[in-house]
C-alpha atoms as a PDB file:
ATOM      1  CA  MET A   1     247.981-132.868 157.112  1.00  0.00           C
ATOM      2  CA  ASP A   2     250.230-135.121 155.198  1.00  0.00           C
ATOM      3  CA  LYS A   3     249.518-134.388 151.630  1.00  0.00           C
ATOM      4  CA  MET A   4     250.755-137.728 150.407  1.00  0.00           C
ATOM      5  CA  GLN A   5     247.665-139.270 152.274  1.00  0.00           C
ATOM      6  CA  TYR A   6     245.360-136.755 151.302  1.00  0.00           C
ATOM      7  CA  GLU A   7     243.795-135.762 147.783  1.00  0.00           C
ATOM      8  CA  LYS A   8     242.015-132.736 146.473  1.00  0.00           C
ATOM      9  CA  ILE A   9     238.425-133.791 145.556  1.00  0.00           C
ATOM     10  CA  ALA A  10     236.938-129.997 144.961  1.00  0.00           C
ATOM     11  CA  GLU A  11     237.432-126.461 145.073  1.00  0.00           C
ATOM     12  CA  MET A  12     234.752-123.977 145.965  1.00  0.00           C
ATOM     13  CA  GLU A  13     233.832-120.982 147.901  1.00  0.00           C
ATOM     14  CA  ARG A  14     234.358-121.080 151.758  1.00  0.00           C
ATOM     15  CA  PRO A  15     230.648-121.603 152.797  1.00  0.00           C
ATOM     16  CA  GLN A  16     230.008-124.339 150.330  1.00  0.00           C
ATOM     17  CA  ALA A  17     233.279-125.956 151.536  1.00  0.00           C
ATOM     18  CA  GLU A  18     232.017-125.867 155.109  1.00  0.00           C
ATOM     19  CA  VAL A  19     228.888-127.647 154.261  1.00  0.00           C
ATOM     20  CA  VAL A  20     230.588-130.044 152.423  1.00  0.00           C
ATOM     21  CA  GLU A  21     233.183-130.731 155.309  1.00  0.00           C
ATOM     22  CA  SER A  22     230.243-131.029 157.694  1.00  0.00           C
ATOM     23  CA  PHE A  23     228.411-133.491 155.495  1.00  0.00           C
ATOM     24  CA  LEU A  24     231.492-135.685 154.687  1.00  0.00           C
ATOM     25  CA  GLU A  25     232.361-135.606 158.464  1.00  0.00           C
ATOM     26  CA  ALA A  26     228.898-136.729 159.544  1.00  0.00           C
ATOM     27  CA  GLU A  27     229.672-139.666 156.906  1.00  0.00           C
ATOM     28  CA  GLY A  28     232.710-140.493 158.905  1.00  0.00           C
ATOM     29  CA  ILE A  29     235.145-139.052 156.315  1.00  0.00           C
ATOM     30  CA  ASP A  30     237.996-136.655 157.460  1.00  0.00           C
ATOM     31  CA  VAL A  31     238.134-133.467 155.685  1.00  0.00           C
ATOM     32  CA  GLU A  32     240.734-130.820 155.396  1.00  0.00           C
ATOM     33  CA  LEU A  33     239.999-127.215 153.919  1.00  0.00           C
ATOM     34  CA  ILE A  34     243.100-125.481 152.674  1.00  0.00           C
ATOM     35  CA  GLU A  35     242.794-121.723 151.620  1.00  0.00           C
ATOM     36  CA  GLU A  36     245.710-119.366 150.716  1.00  0.00           C
ATOM     37  CA  SER A  37     245.405-116.276 152.791  1.00  0.00           C
ATOM     38  CA  VAL A  38     244.756-113.310 150.838  1.00  0.00           C
ATOM     39  CA  TRP A  39     244.439-109.868 152.369  1.00  0.00           C
ATOM     40  CA  LYS A  40     243.323-106.722 150.669  1.00  0.00           C
ATOM     41  CA  SER A  41     243.670-103.666 152.935  1.00  0.00           C
ATOM     42  CA  SER A  42     242.469-104.955 156.418  1.00  0.00           C
ATOM     43  CA  TYR A  43     239.813-107.009 154.910  1.00  0.00           C
ATOM     44  CA  ALA A  44     239.884-110.790 154.162  1.00  0.00           C
ATOM     45  CA  ILE A  45     238.405-111.945 150.814  1.00  0.00           C
ATOM     46  CA  THR A  46     235.525-114.015 151.853  1.00  0.00           C
ATOM     47  CA  PHE A  47     234.821-116.072 148.776  1.00  0.00           C
ATOM     48  CA  GLN A  48     238.362-117.036 148.174  1.00  0.00           C
ATOM     49  CA  PRO A  49     238.431-120.532 146.634  1.00  0.00           C
ATOM     50  CA  VAL A  50     239.126-123.233 149.186  1.00  0.00           C
ATOM     51  CA  GLN A  51     240.207-126.597 148.275  1.00  0.00           C
ATOM     52  CA  VAL A  52     238.700-129.625 149.907  1.00  0.00           C
ATOM     53  CA  PHE A  53     241.039-132.517 150.793  1.00  0.00           C
ATOM     54  CA  VAL A  54     240.053-136.201 151.926  1.00  0.00           C
ATOM     55  CA  PRO A  55     241.998-138.991 152.758  1.00  0.00           C
ATOM     56  CA  ARG A  56     243.074-141.142 149.598  1.00  0.00           C
ATOM     57  CA  THR A  57     241.687-143.991 150.901  1.00  0.00           C
ATOM     58  CA  LYS A  58     238.176-142.221 151.238  1.00  0.00           C
ATOM     59  CA  VAL A  59     238.146-140.375 147.887  1.00  0.00           C
ATOM     60  CA  LYS A  60     235.720-142.680 145.991  1.00  0.00           C
ATOM     61  CA  GLN A  61     233.292-142.706 148.770  1.00  0.00           C
ATOM     62  CA  ALA A  62     233.485-138.934 149.153  1.00  0.00           C
ATOM     63  CA  LEU A  63     232.914-138.327 145.463  1.00  0.00           C
ATOM     64  CA  GLU A  64     230.117-140.913 145.563  1.00  0.00           C
ATOM     65  CA  LEU A  65     228.485-139.134 148.453  1.00  0.00           C
ATOM     66  CA  LEU A  66     228.896-135.713 146.648  1.00  0.00           C
ATOM     67  CA  GLU A  67     227.621-136.812 143.257  1.00  0.00           C
ATOM     68  CA  ASN A  68     223.907-136.147 144.356  1.00  0.00           C
ATOM     69  CA  PHE A  69     224.720-133.275 146.845  1.00  0.00           C
ATOM     70  CA  ASP A  70     223.440-130.106 145.589  1.00  0.00           C
ATOM     71  CA  LEU A  71     225.937-127.261 145.999  1.00  0.00           C
ATOM     72  CA  GLY A  72     224.089-124.954 143.820  1.00  0.00           C
ATOM     73  CA  MET A  73     226.960-124.938 141.432  1.00  0.00           C
ATOM     74  CA  GLU A  74     225.911-127.364 138.835  1.00  0.00           C
ATOM     75  CA  LYS A  75     224.216-125.013 136.400  1.00  0.00           C
ATOM     76  CA  ASP A  76     224.751-121.302 135.633  1.00  0.00           C
ATOM     77  CA  ASP A  77     222.245-118.809 134.616  1.00  0.00           C
ATOM     78  CA  ASP A  78     222.679-119.290 130.870  1.00  0.00           C
ATOM     79  CA  GLU A  79     222.005-123.163 131.271  1.00  0.00           C
ATOM     80  CA  GLU A  80     218.844-122.405 133.256  1.00  0.00           C
ATOM     81  CA  ASP A  81     217.575-120.031 130.708  1.00  0.00           C
ATOM     82  CA  GLU A  82     218.093-122.464 127.587  1.00  0.00           C
ATOM     83  CA  GLU A  83     215.833-125.131 129.903  1.00  0.00           C
ATOM     84  CA  ASP A  84     213.159-122.436 130.487  1.00  0.00           C
ATOM     85  CA  GLU A  85     212.841-122.009 126.587  1.00  0.00           C
END
């Protein structure tokens, strides 16, 4: 990946990043996931943040597609509790 041609559009846990990757690739947008390797003992940290990169020419399109994409991250528990009141 040539970093000059790609731009980071998000950072999330690997399971979510893989869903986003599949979604954007289905829309014809190349996606690169970058994760720093972190090892603790002999186990990898599963929910290490992953950076999502797309070509600079596709950033606007990718962000528009993801605008209504439910990643389950929009609200935290406190915000949901306030709405219930």
